[in-house]
PDBML (XML) file of the C-alpha atoms, coordinates in Angstrom:
<?xml version="1.0" encoding="UTF-8" ?>
<PDBx:datablock datablockName="MODEL"
   xmlns:PDBx="http://pdbml.pdb.org/schema/pdbx-v50.xsd"
   xmlns:xsi="http://www.w3.org/2001/XMLSchema-instance"
   xsi:schemaLocation="http://pdbml.pdb.org/schema/pdbx-v50.xsd pdbx-v50.xsd">
   <PDBx:atom_siteCategory>
      <PDBx:atom_site id="1">
         <PDBx:B_iso_or_equiv>0.00</PDBx:B_iso_or_equiv>
         <PDBx:Cartn_x>109.722</PDBx:Cartn_x>
         <PDBx:Cartn_y>76.031</PDBx:Cartn_y>
         <PDBx:Cartn_z>88.980</PDBx:Cartn_z>
         <PDBx:auth_asym_id>A</PDBx:auth_asym_id>
         <PDBx:auth_atom_id>CA</PDBx:auth_atom_id>
         <PDBx:auth_comp_id>ALA</PDBx:auth_comp_id>
         <PDBx:auth_seq_id>1</PDBx:auth_seq_id>
         <PDBx:group_PDB>ATOM</PDBx:group_PDB>
         <PDBx:label_alt_id xsi:nil="true" />
         <PDBx:label_asym_id>A</PDBx:label_asym_id>
         <PDBx:label_atom_id>CA</PDBx:label_atom_id>
         <PDBx:label_comp_id>ALA</PDBx:label_comp_id>
         <PDBx:label_entity_id>1</PDBx:label_entity_id>
         <PDBx:label_seq_id>1</PDBx:label_seq_id>
         <PDBx:occupancy>1.00</PDBx:occupancy>
         <PDBx:pdbx_PDB_model_num>1</PDBx:pdbx_PDB_model_num>
         <PDBx:type_symbol>C</PDBx:type_symbol>
      </PDBx:atom_site>
      <PDBx:atom_site id="2">
         <PDBx:B_iso_or_equiv>0.00</PDBx:B_iso_or_equiv>
         <PDBx:Cartn_x>110.175</PDBx:Cartn_x>
         <PDBx:Cartn_y>76.689</PDBx:Cartn_y>
         <PDBx:Cartn_z>85.275</PDBx:Cartn_z>
         <PDBx:auth_asym_id>A</PDBx:auth_asym_id>
         <PDBx:auth_atom_id>CA</PDBx:auth_atom_id>
         <PDBx:auth_comp_id>VAL</PDBx:auth_comp_id>
         <PDBx:auth_seq_id>2</PDBx:auth_seq_id>
         <PDBx:group_PDB>ATOM</PDBx:group_PDB>
         <PDBx:label_alt_id xsi:nil="true" />
         <PDBx:label_asym_id>A</PDBx:label_asym_id>
         <PDBx:label_atom_id>CA</PDBx:label_atom_id>
         <PDBx:label_comp_id>VAL</PDBx:label_comp_id>
         <PDBx:label_entity_id>1</PDBx:label_entity_id>
         <PDBx:label_seq_id>2</PDBx:label_seq_id>
         <PDBx:occupancy>1.00</PDBx:occupancy>
         <PDBx:pdbx_PDB_model_num>1</PDBx:pdbx_PDB_model_num>
         <PDBx:type_symbol>C</PDBx:type_symbol>
      </PDBx:atom_site>
      <PDBx:atom_site id="3">
         <PDBx:B_iso_or_equiv>0.00</PDBx:B_iso_or_equiv>
         <PDBx:Cartn_x>113.674</PDBx:Cartn_x>
         <PDBx:Cartn_y>75.534</PDBx:Cartn_y>
         <PDBx:Cartn_z>84.362</PDBx:Cartn_z>
         <PDBx:auth_asym_id>A</PDBx:auth_asym_id>
         <PDBx:auth_atom_id>CA</PDBx:auth_atom_id>
         <PDBx:auth_comp_id>GLY</PDBx:auth_comp_id>
         <PDBx:auth_seq_id>3</PDBx:auth_seq_id>
         <PDBx:group_PDB>ATOM</PDBx:group_PDB>
         <PDBx:label_alt_id xsi:nil="true" />
         <PDBx:label_asym_id>A</PDBx:label_asym_id>
         <PDBx:label_atom_id>CA</PDBx:label_atom_id>
         <PDBx:label_comp_id>GLY</PDBx:label_comp_id>
         <PDBx:label_entity_id>1</PDBx:label_entity_id>
         <PDBx:label_seq_id>3</PDBx:label_seq_id>
         <PDBx:occupancy>1.00</PDBx:occupancy>
         <PDBx:pdbx_PDB_model_num>1</PDBx:pdbx_PDB_model_num>
         <PDBx:type_symbol>C</PDBx:type_symbol>
      </PDBx:atom_site>
      <PDBx:atom_site id="4">
         <PDBx:B_iso_or_equiv>0.00</PDBx:B_iso_or_equiv>
         <PDBx:Cartn_x>115.065</PDBx:Cartn_x>
         <PDBx:Cartn_y>77.382</PDBx:Cartn_y>
         <PDBx:Cartn_z>81.344</PDBx:Cartn_z>
         <PDBx:auth_asym_id>A</PDBx:auth_asym_id>
         <PDBx:auth_atom_id>CA</PDBx:auth_atom_id>
         <PDBx:auth_comp_id>THR</PDBx:auth_comp_id>
         <PDBx:auth_seq_id>4</PDBx:auth_seq_id>
         <PDBx:group_PDB>ATOM</PDBx:group_PDB>
         <PDBx:label_alt_id xsi:nil="true" />
         <PDBx:label_asym_id>A</PDBx:label_asym_id>
         <PDBx:label_atom_id>CA</PDBx:label_atom_id>
         <PDBx:label_comp_id>THR</PDBx:label_comp_id>
         <PDBx:label_entity_id>1</PDBx:label_entity_id>
         <PDBx:label_seq_id>4</PDBx:label_seq_id>
         <PDBx:occupancy>1.00</PDBx:occupancy>
         <PDBx:pdbx_PDB_model_num>1</PDBx:pdbx_PDB_model_num>
         <PDBx:type_symbol>C</PDBx:type_symbol>
      </PDBx:atom_site>
      <PDBx:atom_site id="5">
         <PDBx:B_iso_or_equiv>0.00</PDBx:B_iso_or_equiv>
         <PDBx:Cartn_x>112.289</PDBx:Cartn_x>
         <PDBx:Cartn_y>80.014</PDBx:Cartn_y>
         <PDBx:Cartn_z>81.427</PDBx:Cartn_z>
         <PDBx:auth_asym_id>A</PDBx:auth_asym_id>
         <PDBx:auth_atom_id>CA</PDBx:auth_atom_id>
         <PDBx:auth_comp_id>ALA</PDBx:auth_comp_id>
         <PDBx:auth_seq_id>5</PDBx:auth_seq_id>
         <PDBx:group_PDB>ATOM</PDBx:group_PDB>
         <PDBx:label_alt_id xsi:nil="true" />
         <PDBx:label_asym_id>A</PDBx:label_asym_id>
         <PDBx:label_atom_id>CA</PDBx:label_atom_id>
         <PDBx:label_comp_id>ALA</PDBx:label_comp_id>
         <PDBx:label_entity_id>1</PDBx:label_entity_id>
         <PDBx:label_seq_id>5</PDBx:label_seq_id>
         <PDBx:occupancy>1.00</PDBx:occupancy>
         <PDBx:pdbx_PDB_model_num>1</PDBx:pdbx_PDB_model_num>
         <PDBx:type_symbol>C</PDBx:type_symbol>
      </PDBx:atom_site>
      <PDBx:atom_site id="6">
         <PDBx:B_iso_or_equiv>0.00</PDBx:B_iso_or_equiv>
         <PDBx:Cartn_x>113.508</PDBx:Cartn_x>
         <PDBx:Cartn_y>81.447</PDBx:Cartn_y>
         <PDBx:Cartn_z>84.758</PDBx:Cartn_z>
         <PDBx:auth_asym_id>A</PDBx:auth_asym_id>
         <PDBx:auth_atom_id>CA</PDBx:auth_atom_id>
         <PDBx:auth_comp_id>ASP</PDBx:auth_comp_id>
         <PDBx:auth_seq_id>6</PDBx:auth_seq_id>
         <PDBx:group_PDB>ATOM</PDBx:group_PDB>
         <PDBx:label_alt_id xsi:nil="true" />
         <PDBx:label_asym_id>A</PDBx:label_asym_id>
         <PDBx:label_atom_id>CA</PDBx:label_atom_id>
         <PDBx:label_comp_id>ASP</PDBx:label_comp_id>
         <PDBx:label_entity_id>1</PDBx:label_entity_id>
         <PDBx:label_seq_id>6</PDBx:label_seq_id>
         <PDBx:occupancy>1.00</PDBx:occupancy>
         <PDBx:pdbx_PDB_model_num>1</PDBx:pdbx_PDB_model_num>
         <PDBx:type_symbol>C</PDBx:type_symbol>
      </PDBx:atom_site>
      <PDBx:atom_site id="7">
         <PDBx:B_iso_or_equiv>0.00</PDBx:B_iso_or_equiv>
         <PDBx:Cartn_x>113.198</PDBx:Cartn_x>
         <PDBx:Cartn_y>85.241</PDBx:Cartn_y>
         <PDBx:Cartn_z>84.725</PDBx:Cartn_z>
         <PDBx:auth_asym_id>A</PDBx:auth_asym_id>
         <PDBx:auth_atom_id>CA</PDBx:auth_atom_id>
         <PDBx:auth_comp_id>GLN</PDBx:auth_comp_id>
         <PDBx:auth_seq_id>7</PDBx:auth_seq_id>
         <PDBx:group_PDB>ATOM</PDBx:group_PDB>
         <PDBx:label_alt_id xsi:nil="true" />
         <PDBx:label_asym_id>A</PDBx:label_asym_id>
         <PDBx:label_atom_id>CA</PDBx:label_atom_id>
         <PDBx:label_comp_id>GLN</PDBx:label_comp_id>
         <PDBx:label_entity_id>1</PDBx:label_entity_id>
         <PDBx:label_seq_id>7</PDBx:label_seq_id>
         <PDBx:occupancy>1.00</PDBx:occupancy>
         <PDBx:pdbx_PDB_model_num>1</PDBx:pdbx_PDB_model_num>
         <PDBx:type_symbol>C</PDBx:type_symbol>
      </PDBx:atom_site>
      <PDBx:atom_site id="8">
         <PDBx:B_iso_or_equiv>0.00</PDBx:B_iso_or_equiv>
         <PDBx:Cartn_x>113.972</PDBx:Cartn_x>
         <PDBx:Cartn_y>85.997</PDBx:Cartn_y>
         <PDBx:Cartn_z>88.355</PDBx:Cartn_z>
         <PDBx:auth_asym_id>A</PDBx:auth_asym_id>
         <PDBx:auth_atom_id>CA</PDBx:auth_atom_id>
         <PDBx:auth_comp_id>LEU</PDBx:auth_comp_id>
         <PDBx:auth_seq_id>8</PDBx:auth_seq_id>
         <PDBx:group_PDB>ATOM</PDBx:group_PDB>
         <PDBx:label_alt_id xsi:nil="true" />
         <PDBx:label_asym_id>A</PDBx:label_asym_id>
         <PDBx:label_atom_id>CA</PDBx:label_atom_id>
         <PDBx:label_comp_id>LEU</PDBx:label_comp_id>
         <PDBx:label_entity_id>1</PDBx:label_entity_id>
         <PDBx:label_seq_id>8</PDBx:label_seq_id>
         <PDBx:occupancy>1.00</PDBx:occupancy>
         <PDBx:pdbx_PDB_model_num>1</PDBx:pdbx_PDB_model_num>
         <PDBx:type_symbol>C</PDBx:type_symbol>
      </PDBx:atom_site>
      <PDBx:atom_site id="9">
         <PDBx:B_iso_or_equiv>0.00</PDBx:B_iso_or_equiv>
         <PDBx:Cartn_x>117.271</PDBx:Cartn_x>
         <PDBx:Cartn_y>87.622</PDBx:Cartn_y>
         <PDBx:Cartn_z>87.430</PDBx:Cartn_z>
         <PDBx:auth_asym_id>A</PDBx:auth_asym_id>
         <PDBx:auth_atom_id>CA</PDBx:auth_atom_id>
         <PDBx:auth_comp_id>ASP</PDBx:auth_comp_id>
         <PDBx:auth_seq_id>9</PDBx:auth_seq_id>
         <PDBx:group_PDB>ATOM</PDBx:group_PDB>
         <PDBx:label_alt_id xsi:nil="true" />
         <PDBx:label_asym_id>A</PDBx:label_asym_id>
         <PDBx:label_atom_id>CA</PDBx:label_atom_id>
         <PDBx:label_comp_id>ASP</PDBx:label_comp_id>
         <PDBx:label_entity_id>1</PDBx:label_entity_id>
         <PDBx:label_seq_id>9</PDBx:label_seq_id>
         <PDBx:occupancy>1.00</PDBx:occupancy>
         <PDBx:pdbx_PDB_model_num>1</PDBx:pdbx_PDB_model_num>
         <PDBx:type_symbol>C</PDBx:type_symbol>
      </PDBx:atom_site>
      <PDBx:atom_site id="10">
         <PDBx:B_iso_or_equiv>0.00</PDBx:B_iso_or_equiv>
         <PDBx:Cartn_x>115.478</PDBx:Cartn_x>
         <PDBx:Cartn_y>90.086</PDBx:Cartn_y>
         <PDBx:Cartn_z>85.127</PDBx:Cartn_z>
         <PDBx:auth_asym_id>A</PDBx:auth_asym_id>
         <PDBx:auth_atom_id>CA</PDBx:auth_atom_id>
         <PDBx:auth_comp_id>SER</PDBx:auth_comp_id>
         <PDBx:auth_seq_id>10</PDBx:auth_seq_id>
         <PDBx:group_PDB>ATOM</PDBx:group_PDB>
         <PDBx:label_alt_id xsi:nil="true" />
         <PDBx:label_asym_id>A</PDBx:label_asym_id>
         <PDBx:label_atom_id>CA</PDBx:label_atom_id>
         <PDBx:label_comp_id>SER</PDBx:label_comp_id>
         <PDBx:label_entity_id>1</PDBx:label_entity_id>
         <PDBx:label_seq_id>10</PDBx:label_seq_id>
         <PDBx:occupancy>1.00</PDBx:occupancy>
         <PDBx:pdbx_PDB_model_num>1</PDBx:pdbx_PDB_model_num>
         <PDBx:type_symbol>C</PDBx:type_symbol>
      </PDBx:atom_site>
      <PDBx:atom_site id="11">
         <PDBx:B_iso_or_equiv>0.00</PDBx:B_iso_or_equiv>
         <PDBx:Cartn_x>113.003</PDBx:Cartn_x>
         <PDBx:Cartn_y>90.875</PDBx:Cartn_y>
         <PDBx:Cartn_z>87.889</PDBx:Cartn_z>
         <PDBx:auth_asym_id>A</PDBx:auth_asym_id>
         <PDBx:auth_atom_id>CA</PDBx:auth_atom_id>
         <PDBx:auth_comp_id>LEU</PDBx:auth_comp_id>
         <PDBx:auth_seq_id>11</PDBx:auth_seq_id>
         <PDBx:group_PDB>ATOM</PDBx:group_PDB>
         <PDBx:label_alt_id xsi:nil="true" />
         <PDBx:label_asym_id>A</PDBx:label_asym_id>
         <PDBx:label_atom_id>CA</PDBx:label_atom_id>
         <PDBx:label_comp_id>LEU</PDBx:label_comp_id>
         <PDBx:label_entity_id>1</PDBx:label_entity_id>
         <PDBx:label_seq_id>11</PDBx:label_seq_id>
         <PDBx:occupancy>1.00</PDBx:occupancy>
         <PDBx:pdbx_PDB_model_num>1</PDBx:pdbx_PDB_model_num>
         <PDBx:type_symbol>C</PDBx:type_symbol>
      </PDBx:atom_site>
      <PDBx:atom_site id="12">
         <PDBx:B_iso_or_equiv>0.00</PDBx:B_iso_or_equiv>
         <PDBx:Cartn_x>115.859</PDBx:Cartn_x>
         <PDBx:Cartn_y>91.450</PDBx:Cartn_y>
         <PDBx:Cartn_z>90.303</PDBx:Cartn_z>
         <PDBx:auth_asym_id>A</PDBx:auth_asym_id>
         <PDBx:auth_atom_id>CA</PDBx:auth_atom_id>
         <PDBx:auth_comp_id>LEU</PDBx:auth_comp_id>
         <PDBx:auth_seq_id>12</PDBx:auth_seq_id>
         <PDBx:group_PDB>ATOM</PDBx:group_PDB>
         <PDBx:label_alt_id xsi:nil="true" />
         <PDBx:label_asym_id>A</PDBx:label_asym_id>
         <PDBx:label_atom_id>CA</PDBx:label_atom_id>
         <PDBx:label_comp_id>LEU</PDBx:label_comp_id>
         <PDBx:label_entity_id>1</PDBx:label_entity_id>
         <PDBx:label_seq_id>12</PDBx:label_seq_id>
         <PDBx:occupancy>1.00</PDBx:occupancy>
         <PDBx:pdbx_PDB_model_num>1</PDBx:pdbx_PDB_model_num>
         <PDBx:type_symbol>C</PDBx:type_symbol>
      </PDBx:atom_site>
      <PDBx:atom_site id="13">
         <PDBx:B_iso_or_equiv>0.00</PDBx:B_iso_or_equiv>
         <PDBx:Cartn_x>117.416</PDBx:Cartn_x>
         <PDBx:Cartn_y>93.929</PDBx:Cartn_y>
         <PDBx:Cartn_z>87.856</PDBx:Cartn_z>
         <PDBx:auth_asym_id>A</PDBx:auth_asym_id>
         <PDBx:auth_atom_id>CA</PDBx:auth_atom_id>
         <PDBx:auth_comp_id>VAL</PDBx:auth_comp_id>
         <PDBx:auth_seq_id>13</PDBx:auth_seq_id>
         <PDBx:group_PDB>ATOM</PDBx:group_PDB>
         <PDBx:label_alt_id xsi:nil="true" />
         <PDBx:label_asym_id>A</PDBx:label_asym_id>
         <PDBx:label_atom_id>CA</PDBx:label_atom_id>
         <PDBx:label_comp_id>VAL</PDBx:label_comp_id>
         <PDBx:label_entity_id>1</PDBx:label_entity_id>
         <PDBx:label_seq_id>13</PDBx:label_seq_id>
         <PDBx:occupancy>1.00</PDBx:occupancy>
         <PDBx:pdbx_PDB_model_num>1</PDBx:pdbx_PDB_model_num>
         <PDBx:type_symbol>C</PDBx:type_symbol>
      </PDBx:atom_site>
      <PDBx:atom_site id="14">
         <PDBx:B_iso_or_equiv>0.00</PDBx:B_iso_or_equiv>
         <PDBx:Cartn_x>114.140</PDBx:Cartn_x>
         <PDBx:Cartn_y>95.859</PDBx:Cartn_y>
         <PDBx:Cartn_z>87.799</PDBx:Cartn_z>
         <PDBx:auth_asym_id>A</PDBx:auth_asym_id>
         <PDBx:auth_atom_id>CA</PDBx:auth_atom_id>
         <PDBx:auth_comp_id>SER</PDBx:auth_comp_id>
         <PDBx:auth_seq_id>14</PDBx:auth_seq_id>
         <PDBx:group_PDB>ATOM</PDBx:group_PDB>
         <PDBx:label_alt_id xsi:nil="true" />
         <PDBx:label_asym_id>A</PDBx:label_asym_id>
         <PDBx:label_atom_id>CA</PDBx:label_atom_id>
         <PDBx:label_comp_id>SER</PDBx:label_comp_id>
         <PDBx:label_entity_id>1</PDBx:label_entity_id>
         <PDBx:label_seq_id>14</PDBx:label_seq_id>
         <PDBx:occupancy>1.00</PDBx:occupancy>
         <PDBx:pdbx_PDB_model_num>1</PDBx:pdbx_PDB_model_num>
         <PDBx:type_symbol>C</PDBx:type_symbol>
      </PDBx:atom_site>
      <PDBx:atom_site id="15">
         <PDBx:B_iso_or_equiv>0.00</PDBx:B_iso_or_equiv>
         <PDBx:Cartn_x>114.061</PDBx:Cartn_x>
         <PDBx:Cartn_y>95.981</PDBx:Cartn_y>
         <PDBx:Cartn_z>91.594</PDBx:Cartn_z>
         <PDBx:auth_asym_id>A</PDBx:auth_asym_id>
         <PDBx:auth_atom_id>CA</PDBx:auth_atom_id>
         <PDBx:auth_comp_id>VAL</PDBx:auth_comp_id>
         <PDBx:auth_seq_id>15</PDBx:auth_seq_id>
         <PDBx:group_PDB>ATOM</PDBx:group_PDB>
         <PDBx:label_alt_id xsi:nil="true" />
         <PDBx:label_asym_id>A</PDBx:label_asym_id>
         <PDBx:label_atom_id>CA</PDBx:label_atom_id>
         <PDBx:label_comp_id>VAL</PDBx:label_comp_id>
         <PDBx:label_entity_id>1</PDBx:label_entity_id>
         <PDBx:label_seq_id>15</PDBx:label_seq_id>
         <PDBx:occupancy>1.00</PDBx:occupancy>
         <PDBx:pdbx_PDB_model_num>1</PDBx:pdbx_PDB_model_num>
         <PDBx:type_symbol>C</PDBx:type_symbol>
      </PDBx:atom_site>
      <PDBx:atom_site id="16">
         <PDBx:B_iso_or_equiv>0.00</PDBx:B_iso_or_equiv>
         <PDBx:Cartn_x>117.694</PDBx:Cartn_x>
         <PDBx:Cartn_y>97.090</PDBx:Cartn_y>
         <PDBx:Cartn_z>91.679</PDBx:Cartn_z>
         <PDBx:auth_asym_id>A</PDBx:auth_asym_id>
         <PDBx:auth_atom_id>CA</PDBx:auth_atom_id>
         <PDBx:auth_comp_id>TYR</PDBx:auth_comp_id>
         <PDBx:auth_seq_id>16</PDBx:auth_seq_id>
         <PDBx:group_PDB>ATOM</PDBx:group_PDB>
         <PDBx:label_alt_id xsi:nil="true" />
         <PDBx:label_asym_id>A</PDBx:label_asym_id>
         <PDBx:label_atom_id>CA</PDBx:label_atom_id>
         <PDBx:label_comp_id>TYR</PDBx:label_comp_id>
         <PDBx:label_entity_id>1</PDBx:label_entity_id>
         <PDBx:label_seq_id>16</PDBx:label_seq_id>
         <PDBx:occupancy>1.00</PDBx:occupancy>
         <PDBx:pdbx_PDB_model_num>1</PDBx:pdbx_PDB_model_num>
         <PDBx:type_symbol>C</PDBx:type_symbol>
      </PDBx:atom_site>
      <PDBx:atom_site id="17">
         <PDBx:B_iso_or_equiv>0.00</PDBx:B_iso_or_equiv>
         <PDBx:Cartn_x>117.127</PDBx:Cartn_x>
         <PDBx:Cartn_y>99.865</PDBx:Cartn_y>
         <PDBx:Cartn_z>89.159</PDBx:Cartn_z>
         <PDBx:auth_asym_id>A</PDBx:auth_asym_id>
         <PDBx:auth_atom_id>CA</PDBx:auth_atom_id>
         <PDBx:auth_comp_id>GLN</PDBx:auth_comp_id>
         <PDBx:auth_seq_id>17</PDBx:auth_seq_id>
         <PDBx:group_PDB>ATOM</PDBx:group_PDB>
         <PDBx:label_alt_id xsi:nil="true" />
         <PDBx:label_asym_id>A</PDBx:label_asym_id>
         <PDBx:label_atom_id>CA</PDBx:label_atom_id>
         <PDBx:label_comp_id>GLN</PDBx:label_comp_id>
         <PDBx:label_entity_id>1</PDBx:label_entity_id>
         <PDBx:label_seq_id>17</PDBx:label_seq_id>
         <PDBx:occupancy>1.00</PDBx:occupancy>
         <PDBx:pdbx_PDB_model_num>1</PDBx:pdbx_PDB_model_num>
         <PDBx:type_symbol>C</PDBx:type_symbol>
      </PDBx:atom_site>
      <PDBx:atom_site id="18">
         <PDBx:B_iso_or_equiv>0.00</PDBx:B_iso_or_equiv>
         <PDBx:Cartn_x>114.084</PDBx:Cartn_x>
         <PDBx:Cartn_y>101.089</PDBx:Cartn_y>
         <PDBx:Cartn_z>91.090</PDBx:Cartn_z>
         <PDBx:auth_asym_id>A</PDBx:auth_asym_id>
         <PDBx:auth_atom_id>CA</PDBx:auth_atom_id>
         <PDBx:auth_comp_id>THR</PDBx:auth_comp_id>
         <PDBx:auth_seq_id>18</PDBx:auth_seq_id>
         <PDBx:group_PDB>ATOM</PDBx:group_PDB>
         <PDBx:label_alt_id xsi:nil="true" />
         <PDBx:label_asym_id>A</PDBx:label_asym_id>
         <PDBx:label_atom_id>CA</PDBx:label_atom_id>
         <PDBx:label_comp_id>THR</PDBx:label_comp_id>
         <PDBx:label_entity_id>1</PDBx:label_entity_id>
         <PDBx:label_seq_id>18</PDBx:label_seq_id>
         <PDBx:occupancy>1.00</PDBx:occupancy>
         <PDBx:pdbx_PDB_model_num>1</PDBx:pdbx_PDB_model_num>
         <PDBx:type_symbol>C</PDBx:type_symbol>
      </PDBx:atom_site>
      <PDBx:atom_site id="19">
         <PDBx:B_iso_or_equiv>0.00</PDBx:B_iso_or_equiv>
         <PDBx:Cartn_x>116.122</PDBx:Cartn_x>
         <PDBx:Cartn_y>101.238</PDBx:Cartn_y>
         <PDBx:Cartn_z>94.298</PDBx:Cartn_z>
         <PDBx:auth_asym_id>A</PDBx:auth_asym_id>
         <PDBx:auth_atom_id>CA</PDBx:auth_atom_id>
         <PDBx:auth_comp_id>LEU</PDBx:auth_comp_id>
         <PDBx:auth_seq_id>19</PDBx:auth_seq_id>
         <PDBx:group_PDB>ATOM</PDBx:group_PDB>
         <PDBx:label_alt_id xsi:nil="true" />
         <PDBx:label_asym_id>A</PDBx:label_asym_id>
         <PDBx:label_atom_id>CA</PDBx:label_atom_id>
         <PDBx:label_comp_id>LEU</PDBx:label_comp_id>
         <PDBx:label_entity_id>1</PDBx:label_entity_id>
         <PDBx:label_seq_id>19</PDBx:label_seq_id>
         <PDBx:occupancy>1.00</PDBx:occupancy>
         <PDBx:pdbx_PDB_model_num>1</PDBx:pdbx_PDB_model_num>
         <PDBx:type_symbol>C</PDBx:type_symbol>
      </PDBx:atom_site>
      <PDBx:atom_site id="20">
         <PDBx:B_iso_or_equiv>0.00</PDBx:B_iso_or_equiv>
         <PDBx:Cartn_x>118.950</PDBx:Cartn_x>
         <PDBx:Cartn_y>103.003</PDBx:Cartn_y>
         <PDBx:Cartn_z>92.529</PDBx:Cartn_z>
         <PDBx:auth_asym_id>A</PDBx:auth_asym_id>
         <PDBx:auth_atom_id>CA</PDBx:auth_atom_id>
         <PDBx:auth_comp_id>GLN</PDBx:auth_comp_id>
         <PDBx:auth_seq_id>20</PDBx:auth_seq_id>
         <PDBx:group_PDB>ATOM</PDBx:group_PDB>
         <PDBx:label_alt_id xsi:nil="true" />
         <PDBx:label_asym_id>A</PDBx:label_asym_id>
         <PDBx:label_atom_id>CA</PDBx:label_atom_id>
         <PDBx:label_comp_id>GLN</PDBx:label_comp_id>
         <PDBx:label_entity_id>1</PDBx:label_entity_id>
         <PDBx:label_seq_id>20</PDBx:label_seq_id>
         <PDBx:occupancy>1.00</PDBx:occupancy>
         <PDBx:pdbx_PDB_model_num>1</PDBx:pdbx_PDB_model_num>
         <PDBx:type_symbol>C</PDBx:type_symbol>
      </PDBx:atom_site>
      <PDBx:atom_site id="21">
         <PDBx:B_iso_or_equiv>0.00</PDBx:B_iso_or_equiv>
         <PDBx:Cartn_x>116.712</PDBx:Cartn_x>
         <PDBx:Cartn_y>105.600</PDBx:Cartn_y>
         <PDBx:Cartn_z>90.885</PDBx:Cartn_z>
         <PDBx:auth_asym_id>A</PDBx:auth_asym_id>
         <PDBx:auth_atom_id>CA</PDBx:auth_atom_id>
         <PDBx:auth_comp_id>SER</PDBx:auth_comp_id>
         <PDBx:auth_seq_id>21</PDBx:auth_seq_id>
         <PDBx:group_PDB>ATOM</PDBx:group_PDB>
         <PDBx:label_alt_id xsi:nil="true" />
         <PDBx:label_asym_id>A</PDBx:label_asym_id>
         <PDBx:label_atom_id>CA</PDBx:label_atom_id>
         <PDBx:label_comp_id>SER</PDBx:label_comp_id>
         <PDBx:label_entity_id>1</PDBx:label_entity_id>
         <PDBx:label_seq_id>21</PDBx:label_seq_id>
         <PDBx:occupancy>1.00</PDBx:occupancy>
         <PDBx:pdbx_PDB_model_num>1</PDBx:pdbx_PDB_model_num>
         <PDBx:type_symbol>C</PDBx:type_symbol>
      </PDBx:atom_site>
      <PDBx:atom_site id="22">
         <PDBx:B_iso_or_equiv>0.00</PDBx:B_iso_or_equiv>
         <PDBx:Cartn_x>115.150</PDBx:Cartn_x>
         <PDBx:Cartn_y>106.365</PDBx:Cartn_y>
         <PDBx:Cartn_z>94.270</PDBx:Cartn_z>
         <PDBx:auth_asym_id>A</PDBx:auth_asym_id>
         <PDBx:auth_atom_id>CA</PDBx:auth_atom_id>
         <PDBx:auth_comp_id>SER</PDBx:auth_comp_id>
         <PDBx:auth_seq_id>22</PDBx:auth_seq_id>
         <PDBx:group_PDB>ATOM</PDBx:group_PDB>
         <PDBx:label_alt_id xsi:nil="true" />
         <PDBx:label_asym_id>A</PDBx:label_asym_id>
         <PDBx:label_atom_id>CA</PDBx:label_atom_id>
         <PDBx:label_comp_id>SER</PDBx:label_comp_id>
         <PDBx:label_entity_id>1</PDBx:label_entity_id>
         <PDBx:label_seq_id>22</PDBx:label_seq_id>
         <PDBx:occupancy>1.00</PDBx:occupancy>
         <PDBx:pdbx_PDB_model_num>1</PDBx:pdbx_PDB_model_num>
         <PDBx:type_symbol>C</PDBx:type_symbol>
      </PDBx:atom_site>
      <PDBx:atom_site id="23">
         <PDBx:B_iso_or_equiv>0.00</PDBx:B_iso_or_equiv>
         <PDBx:Cartn_x>118.553</PDBx:Cartn_x>
         <PDBx:Cartn_y>106.855</PDBx:Cartn_y>
         <PDBx:Cartn_z>95.867</PDBx:Cartn_z>
         <PDBx:auth_asym_id>A</PDBx:auth_asym_id>
         <PDBx:auth_atom_id>CA</PDBx:auth_atom_id>
         <PDBx:auth_comp_id>GLY</PDBx:auth_comp_id>
         <PDBx:auth_seq_id>23</PDBx:auth_seq_id>
         <PDBx:group_PDB>ATOM</PDBx:group_PDB>
         <PDBx:label_alt_id xsi:nil="true" />
         <PDBx:label_asym_id>A</PDBx:label_asym_id>
         <PDBx:label_atom_id>CA</PDBx:label_atom_id>
         <PDBx:label_comp_id>GLY</PDBx:label_comp_id>
         <PDBx:label_entity_id>1</PDBx:label_entity_id>
         <PDBx:label_seq_id>23</PDBx:label_seq_id>
         <PDBx:occupancy>1.00</PDBx:occupancy>
         <PDBx:pdbx_PDB_model_num>1</PDBx:pdbx_PDB_model_num>
         <PDBx:type_symbol>C</PDBx:type_symbol>
      </PDBx:atom_site>
      <PDBx:atom_site id="24">
         <PDBx:B_iso_or_equiv>0.00</PDBx:B_iso_or_equiv>
         <PDBx:Cartn_x>118.481</PDBx:Cartn_x>
         <PDBx:Cartn_y>103.802</PDBx:Cartn_y>
         <PDBx:Cartn_z>98.129</PDBx:Cartn_z>
         <PDBx:auth_asym_id>A</PDBx:auth_asym_id>
         <PDBx:auth_atom_id>CA</PDBx:auth_atom_id>
         <PDBx:auth_comp_id>VAL</PDBx:auth_comp_id>
         <PDBx:auth_seq_id>24</PDBx:auth_seq_id>
         <PDBx:group_PDB>ATOM</PDBx:group_PDB>
         <PDBx:label_alt_id xsi:nil="true" />
         <PDBx:label_asym_id>A</PDBx:label_asym_id>
         <PDBx:label_atom_id>CA</PDBx:label_atom_id>
         <PDBx:label_comp_id>VAL</PDBx:label_comp_id>
         <PDBx:label_entity_id>1</PDBx:label_entity_id>
         <PDBx:label_seq_id>24</PDBx:label_seq_id>
         <PDBx:occupancy>1.00</PDBx:occupancy>
         <PDBx:pdbx_PDB_model_num>1</PDBx:pdbx_PDB_model_num>
         <PDBx:type_symbol>C</PDBx:type_symbol>
      </PDBx:atom_site>
   </PDBx:atom_siteCategory>
</PDBx:datablock>
């Protein structure tokens, strides 16, 4: 739990873009 340093949304974008580029 890191408060203002939360980067989960950026990680989620990376996952999303990977799924999109693979056609999922």
